[in-house]
N, C-alpha and C. Protein backbone atom coordinates (compact mmCIF):
# COMPACT_ATOMS: atom_id res chain seq x y z
N MET A 1 -143.14 152.86 253.07
CA MET A 1 -142.76 153.89 252.29
C MET A 1 -142.40 155.14 253.01
N SER A 2 -143.09 155.23 254.15
CA SER A 2 -142.76 156.69 254.76
C SER A 2 -141.25 156.58 255.25
N SER A 3 -140.63 155.58 255.64
CA SER A 3 -139.48 155.58 256.25
C SER A 3 -138.40 155.85 254.83
N ASP A 4 -138.87 155.34 254.04
CA ASP A 4 -137.96 155.73 252.41
C ASP A 4 -138.05 157.37 252.44
N LEU A 5 -139.30 158.02 252.29
CA LEU A 5 -139.60 159.43 252.47
C LEU A 5 -138.37 159.94 252.96
N ASN A 6 -138.45 159.65 254.71
CA ASN A 6 -137.56 160.04 255.64
C ASN A 6 -136.60 160.27 255.02
N ASP A 7 -135.88 158.97 254.84
CA ASP A 7 -134.84 159.06 254.25
C ASP A 7 -134.15 160.14 253.02
N LEU A 8 -134.90 160.03 252.29
CA LEU A 8 -134.77 160.84 251.14
C LEU A 8 -134.44 162.50 251.93
N GLU A 9 -135.59 162.64 252.48
CA GLU A 9 -135.73 163.94 253.05
C GLU A 9 -134.30 164.04 254.00
N GLN A 10 -133.76 163.27 254.40
CA GLN A 10 -132.68 163.31 255.46
C GLN A 10 -131.56 163.36 254.40
N ALA A 11 -131.40 162.79 253.08
CA ALA A 11 -130.56 163.47 252.07
C ALA A 11 -130.68 164.34 251.87
N LEU A 12 -131.76 165.09 251.65
CA LEU A 12 -131.79 166.53 250.89
C LEU A 12 -131.43 167.32 252.19
N GLN A 13 -131.52 167.13 253.58
CA GLN A 13 -130.97 168.00 254.25
C GLN A 13 -129.26 167.84 254.52
N THR A 14 -129.13 166.70 254.27
CA THR A 14 -127.55 166.46 254.21
C THR A 14 -126.76 167.35 253.15
N TYR A 15 -127.85 167.36 251.78
CA TYR A 15 -127.16 168.23 250.97
C TYR A 15 -127.34 169.71 251.34
N PHE A 16 -128.45 169.92 251.39
CA PHE A 16 -128.48 171.61 252.43
C PHE A 16 -127.43 171.73 253.12
N ASP A 17 -126.93 171.13 254.12
CA ASP A 17 -126.09 171.31 255.29
C ASP A 17 -124.61 171.29 254.44
N GLY A 18 -124.70 170.47 253.50
CA GLY A 18 -122.99 170.61 252.97
C GLY A 18 -123.15 171.66 252.21
N LEU A 19 -123.76 172.23 251.77
CA LEU A 19 -123.87 173.38 250.61
C LEU A 19 -123.50 174.78 251.52
N TYR A 20 -124.55 174.78 252.25
CA TYR A 20 -124.35 175.81 253.36
C TYR A 20 -122.85 176.11 253.94
N GLU A 21 -122.27 175.17 254.44
CA GLU A 21 -121.11 174.57 255.38
C GLU A 21 -119.59 174.41 254.33
N GLY A 22 -120.13 174.53 253.08
CA GLY A 22 -118.94 174.16 252.04
C GLY A 22 -118.60 172.92 252.42
N ASP A 23 -118.89 171.70 252.92
CA ASP A 23 -118.73 170.62 253.41
C ASP A 23 -118.45 169.56 252.27
N THR A 24 -117.64 169.33 251.74
CA THR A 24 -117.77 168.22 250.52
C THR A 24 -117.68 166.51 251.14
N GLU A 25 -117.03 166.42 252.59
CA GLU A 25 -117.63 165.34 253.15
C GLU A 25 -118.94 165.10 253.23
N LYS A 26 -119.81 165.84 253.84
CA LYS A 26 -121.37 165.63 253.76
C LYS A 26 -121.79 165.73 252.60
N LEU A 27 -121.36 166.81 251.23
CA LEU A 27 -121.81 166.29 249.94
C LEU A 27 -121.53 164.78 249.63
N GLY A 28 -120.46 164.51 249.72
CA GLY A 28 -119.90 163.17 249.47
C GLY A 28 -120.97 161.74 249.90
N ARG A 29 -121.48 162.23 250.99
CA ARG A 29 -122.48 161.34 251.46
C ARG A 29 -123.73 161.27 250.49
N VAL A 30 -123.92 162.23 249.86
CA VAL A 30 -125.44 161.96 249.01
C VAL A 30 -125.29 161.92 247.60
N PHE A 31 -124.08 162.51 247.12
CA PHE A 31 -123.63 162.73 245.70
C PHE A 31 -122.84 161.46 245.66
N HIS A 32 -123.34 160.62 244.10
CA HIS A 32 -122.83 159.48 244.04
C HIS A 32 -121.48 159.57 243.06
N ASP A 33 -120.79 158.77 243.40
CA ASP A 33 -118.99 158.77 243.03
C ASP A 33 -119.31 159.20 241.32
N VAL A 34 -120.18 159.08 240.65
CA VAL A 34 -120.18 159.03 239.08
C VAL A 34 -121.13 160.42 238.82
N SER A 35 -121.40 160.70 239.81
CA SER A 35 -122.43 162.03 239.53
C SER A 35 -122.08 163.25 238.76
N HIS A 36 -123.19 163.99 238.12
CA HIS A 36 -122.37 165.04 237.43
C HIS A 36 -123.34 166.07 237.59
N LEU A 37 -122.77 167.42 237.50
CA LEU A 37 -123.76 168.35 237.62
C LEU A 37 -123.59 169.38 236.10
N PHE A 38 -125.22 169.80 235.65
CA PHE A 38 -125.35 170.40 234.77
C PHE A 38 -126.02 171.93 234.77
N SER A 39 -125.64 172.73 233.93
CA SER A 39 -126.38 173.72 233.72
C SER A 39 -126.34 174.61 232.24
N VAL A 40 -126.46 175.92 232.02
CA VAL A 40 -126.35 176.22 230.63
C VAL A 40 -125.80 177.73 230.97
N THR A 41 -124.79 177.99 229.93
CA THR A 41 -124.06 179.05 230.10
C THR A 41 -123.73 179.90 228.91
N ASP A 42 -124.46 180.74 228.51
CA ASP A 42 -124.39 181.74 227.09
C ASP A 42 -124.71 180.69 226.07
N GLY A 43 -126.06 179.58 226.44
CA GLY A 43 -126.53 178.91 225.32
C GLY A 43 -125.83 177.70 225.55
N ALA A 44 -124.64 177.33 226.09
CA ALA A 44 -123.95 176.01 226.04
C ALA A 44 -124.15 175.39 227.51
N LEU A 45 -124.01 173.85 227.18
CA LEU A 45 -124.37 173.07 228.12
C LEU A 45 -123.14 172.72 228.89
N ALA A 46 -122.69 173.08 230.33
CA ALA A 46 -121.75 172.89 230.90
C ALA A 46 -122.04 171.31 231.70
N ASP A 47 -121.26 170.61 231.68
CA ASP A 47 -121.25 169.34 232.55
C ASP A 47 -120.17 168.94 233.29
N LEU A 48 -120.36 169.37 234.36
CA LEU A 48 -119.50 169.34 235.58
C LEU A 48 -119.03 167.89 236.51
N PRO A 49 -117.93 166.97 236.18
CA PRO A 49 -118.04 166.11 237.47
C PRO A 49 -117.68 166.28 238.81
N ARG A 50 -118.38 165.39 239.59
CA ARG A 50 -118.34 165.58 241.17
C ARG A 50 -117.21 166.07 241.37
N ALA A 51 -116.17 165.50 241.26
CA ALA A 51 -114.67 165.54 241.87
C ALA A 51 -114.29 166.97 241.37
N GLN A 52 -114.60 167.70 240.36
CA GLN A 52 -114.26 169.32 239.92
C GLN A 52 -115.13 169.98 240.70
N TRP A 53 -116.46 169.61 240.76
CA TRP A 53 -117.33 170.48 241.54
C TRP A 53 -117.03 170.39 243.00
N PHE A 54 -116.48 169.50 243.37
CA PHE A 54 -116.15 169.64 244.97
C PHE A 54 -114.71 170.51 245.07
N GLU A 55 -114.03 170.20 244.08
CA GLU A 55 -112.94 171.51 244.26
C GLU A 55 -113.27 172.93 244.37
N LEU A 56 -114.18 172.92 243.52
CA LEU A 56 -114.94 174.48 243.36
C LEU A 56 -115.50 175.00 244.73
N VAL A 57 -116.29 173.97 245.15
CA VAL A 57 -116.64 174.00 246.95
C VAL A 57 -115.69 174.20 247.75
N ARG A 58 -114.63 173.65 247.45
CA ARG A 58 -113.44 173.60 248.78
C ARG A 58 -113.06 174.82 248.78
N THR A 59 -112.71 175.88 247.59
CA THR A 59 -112.11 176.77 247.37
C THR A 59 -112.86 177.97 247.68
N ARG A 60 -114.27 177.87 247.74
CA ARG A 60 -115.09 179.13 247.87
C ARG A 60 -115.53 179.31 248.98
N LYS A 61 -115.78 180.79 249.71
CA LYS A 61 -116.31 180.68 250.97
C LYS A 61 -117.76 180.60 250.83
N SER A 62 -117.99 179.56 251.89
CA SER A 62 -119.09 179.20 252.13
C SER A 62 -120.18 180.14 252.67
N ALA A 63 -121.22 180.09 252.61
CA ALA A 63 -122.41 180.73 253.23
C ALA A 63 -122.36 181.05 254.52
N GLN A 64 -122.20 179.89 255.54
CA GLN A 64 -121.63 179.97 256.62
C GLN A 64 -120.51 180.79 257.11
N SER A 65 -119.48 180.41 256.53
CA SER A 65 -118.42 181.41 257.04
C SER A 65 -118.68 182.96 256.67
N GLN A 66 -119.56 183.13 255.70
CA GLN A 66 -119.84 184.26 255.46
C GLN A 66 -120.98 185.11 256.40
N ASP A 67 -121.43 184.08 257.28
CA ASP A 67 -122.35 184.61 257.88
C ASP A 67 -124.01 184.68 257.61
N LEU A 68 -124.06 184.23 256.52
CA LEU A 68 -124.98 184.86 255.52
C LEU A 68 -126.28 183.72 255.99
N PRO A 69 -127.70 184.54 256.07
CA PRO A 69 -128.75 183.68 256.55
C PRO A 69 -128.83 182.78 255.81
N ARG A 70 -129.34 181.38 256.17
CA ARG A 70 -129.91 180.20 255.51
C ARG A 70 -131.06 180.52 255.15
N HIS A 71 -131.35 180.18 253.73
CA HIS A 71 -132.60 180.01 253.10
C HIS A 71 -132.01 178.92 252.00
N ASP A 72 -132.87 177.53 252.40
CA ASP A 72 -132.97 176.50 251.82
C ASP A 72 -134.18 175.51 251.93
N TRP A 73 -134.77 175.34 250.83
CA TRP A 73 -136.21 174.39 250.72
C TRP A 73 -136.23 173.73 249.94
N VAL A 74 -136.97 172.81 250.22
CA VAL A 74 -137.77 171.54 249.10
C VAL A 74 -138.75 172.47 248.57
N VAL A 75 -138.86 172.25 247.39
CA VAL A 75 -140.30 172.68 246.36
C VAL A 75 -141.10 171.77 246.15
N HIS A 76 -140.46 170.38 245.64
CA HIS A 76 -141.25 169.12 245.36
C HIS A 76 -140.27 168.03 245.62
N ILE A 77 -140.79 167.08 245.71
CA ILE A 77 -140.41 165.80 245.46
C ILE A 77 -141.41 164.67 244.84
N ASP A 78 -140.63 164.10 243.92
CA ASP A 78 -141.55 163.42 243.08
C ASP A 78 -140.88 161.71 243.17
N ARG A 79 -141.20 160.56 243.48
CA ARG A 79 -140.89 159.41 243.80
C ARG A 79 -141.59 158.51 242.47
N SER A 80 -140.82 157.89 241.64
CA SER A 80 -141.43 157.38 240.58
C SER A 80 -141.62 155.54 240.94
N GLY A 81 -140.78 155.63 241.76
CA GLY A 81 -140.89 153.95 241.93
C GLY A 81 -139.95 154.12 243.37
N PRO A 82 -139.91 152.84 243.74
CA PRO A 82 -138.92 152.79 245.11
C PRO A 82 -137.52 152.81 244.89
N ASN A 83 -137.16 152.92 243.90
CA ASN A 83 -135.80 153.45 243.94
C ASN A 83 -135.13 154.52 243.03
N THR A 84 -135.96 155.56 242.57
CA THR A 84 -135.94 156.40 241.85
C THR A 84 -136.46 157.73 242.23
N ALA A 85 -136.12 158.90 242.54
CA ALA A 85 -136.77 159.96 243.02
C ALA A 85 -136.51 161.44 242.26
N PHE A 86 -137.08 162.13 242.35
CA PHE A 86 -136.59 163.58 241.86
C PHE A 86 -136.78 164.74 242.66
N ALA A 87 -136.12 165.67 243.21
CA ALA A 87 -136.23 166.93 244.01
C ALA A 87 -135.94 167.93 243.32
N LYS A 88 -136.71 169.09 243.37
CA LYS A 88 -136.79 170.34 243.30
C LYS A 88 -136.39 171.17 244.27
N VAL A 89 -135.29 171.87 244.47
CA VAL A 89 -135.01 172.54 245.84
C VAL A 89 -134.11 173.80 245.40
N GLN A 90 -134.42 174.70 246.27
CA GLN A 90 -134.08 176.22 246.01
C GLN A 90 -133.20 176.58 247.27
N CYS A 91 -132.26 177.19 246.85
CA CYS A 91 -131.14 177.59 247.95
C CYS A 91 -130.44 178.77 247.38
N GLN A 92 -129.32 179.34 248.29
CA GLN A 92 -128.89 180.67 248.11
C GLN A 92 -127.58 180.88 248.60
N ILE A 93 -126.29 181.46 248.14
CA ILE A 93 -125.70 182.00 248.77
C ILE A 93 -125.35 183.36 247.84
N PRO A 94 -126.18 184.14 248.65
CA PRO A 94 -126.12 185.73 248.01
C PRO A 94 -124.75 185.97 247.41
N PRO A 95 -124.89 187.06 246.35
CA PRO A 95 -125.70 187.19 245.77
C PRO A 95 -126.31 186.33 244.50
N ARG A 96 -126.01 185.05 244.52
CA ARG A 96 -126.56 184.08 243.77
C ARG A 96 -127.61 183.35 244.60
N TYR A 97 -128.70 183.10 243.77
CA TYR A 97 -130.02 182.16 244.18
C TYR A 97 -129.83 181.00 242.90
N PHE A 98 -130.10 179.77 243.62
CA PHE A 98 -129.92 178.51 243.08
C PHE A 98 -131.52 177.69 242.87
N THR A 99 -132.11 177.39 241.81
CA THR A 99 -133.02 176.17 241.63
C THR A 99 -132.32 175.15 241.31
N ASP A 100 -131.95 174.04 241.91
CA ASP A 100 -131.61 172.60 241.70
C ASP A 100 -132.68 171.79 241.00
N TYR A 101 -132.17 170.86 240.20
CA TYR A 101 -133.39 169.86 240.10
C TYR A 101 -132.18 168.78 240.47
N LEU A 102 -132.60 167.72 241.43
CA LEU A 102 -131.66 166.68 241.81
C LEU A 102 -132.61 165.23 241.60
N THR A 103 -131.67 164.59 240.46
CA THR A 103 -132.33 163.11 240.38
C THR A 103 -131.37 162.13 241.11
N PHE A 104 -132.25 161.43 242.21
CA PHE A 104 -131.96 160.32 243.08
C PHE A 104 -132.13 158.90 242.51
N VAL A 105 -131.38 158.03 243.31
CA VAL A 105 -131.53 156.48 243.19
C VAL A 105 -131.24 156.28 244.46
N LYS A 106 -132.24 155.17 245.12
CA LYS A 106 -131.79 154.48 246.27
C LYS A 106 -131.25 153.36 245.63
N LEU A 107 -129.69 153.15 246.60
CA LEU A 107 -128.85 151.88 246.37
C LEU A 107 -128.98 151.17 247.73
N THR A 108 -127.88 150.29 247.86
CA THR A 108 -128.04 149.76 249.35
C THR A 108 -127.54 150.29 250.37
N ASP A 109 -126.70 151.94 250.14
CA ASP A 109 -126.22 152.55 250.82
C ASP A 109 -126.98 153.65 251.33
N GLY A 110 -128.13 153.54 250.54
CA GLY A 110 -129.32 154.57 250.75
C GLY A 110 -129.43 155.74 249.74
N TRP A 111 -130.30 156.64 249.77
CA TRP A 111 -130.27 157.36 248.65
C TRP A 111 -129.05 158.44 248.29
N ARG A 112 -128.76 158.42 247.01
CA ARG A 112 -127.96 158.81 246.02
C ARG A 112 -128.15 159.91 245.07
N ILE A 113 -127.56 160.96 245.13
CA ILE A 113 -127.79 162.27 243.84
C ILE A 113 -127.18 161.73 242.68
N VAL A 114 -127.63 161.18 241.32
CA VAL A 114 -126.68 161.01 240.19
C VAL A 114 -126.40 162.13 239.59
N SER A 115 -127.40 162.99 239.41
CA SER A 115 -127.32 164.21 238.34
C SER A 115 -127.87 165.74 239.16
N LYS A 116 -127.32 166.42 238.89
CA LYS A 116 -127.64 168.08 239.44
C LYS A 116 -127.90 168.69 238.18
N THR A 117 -129.21 169.33 237.85
CA THR A 117 -129.24 170.50 236.98
C THR A 117 -129.51 171.45 237.75
N PHE A 118 -128.91 172.93 237.74
CA PHE A 118 -129.22 173.94 238.17
C PHE A 118 -129.29 175.38 237.42
N HIS A 119 -130.18 176.17 237.97
CA HIS A 119 -130.00 177.53 237.11
C HIS A 119 -129.61 178.54 238.45
N THR A 120 -128.71 179.71 237.87
CA THR A 120 -128.54 180.35 239.05
C THR A 120 -128.96 181.91 238.84
N GLU A 121 -129.22 182.59 239.47
CA GLU A 121 -129.70 183.88 239.19
C GLU A 121 -128.64 184.93 240.38
N THR A 122 -128.42 185.92 239.59
CA THR A 122 -127.42 186.79 240.34
C THR A 122 -128.63 188.17 240.89
N ARG A 123 -128.82 188.49 242.00
CA ARG A 123 -129.32 189.45 242.63
C ARG A 123 -128.80 190.69 243.11
């Protein structure tokens, strides 16, 4: 089980690196092809497929390109079995601060995010 936790932590690090660098190749290593991202805007649910989100990531300035300090961390990991896990993480691209709820599954090629539900604050 400890190597599984290490593998999950490595997937989370790849996620953080991909976000900070704006690198969709890295993000593609951890997001499953059919994954979706969810958020609430003005009381309505927004459902964003992975491909659409990747296009947004490609076209925005990354935190790294803006030389912004890096602040990302794991708040909580919960594994409910050998093939499922949940992680609550926080990260930022100032002035936006994110809390992400990531649902993982473990497949033959490793841990993959199948859904991300997030909250954004602007400060």
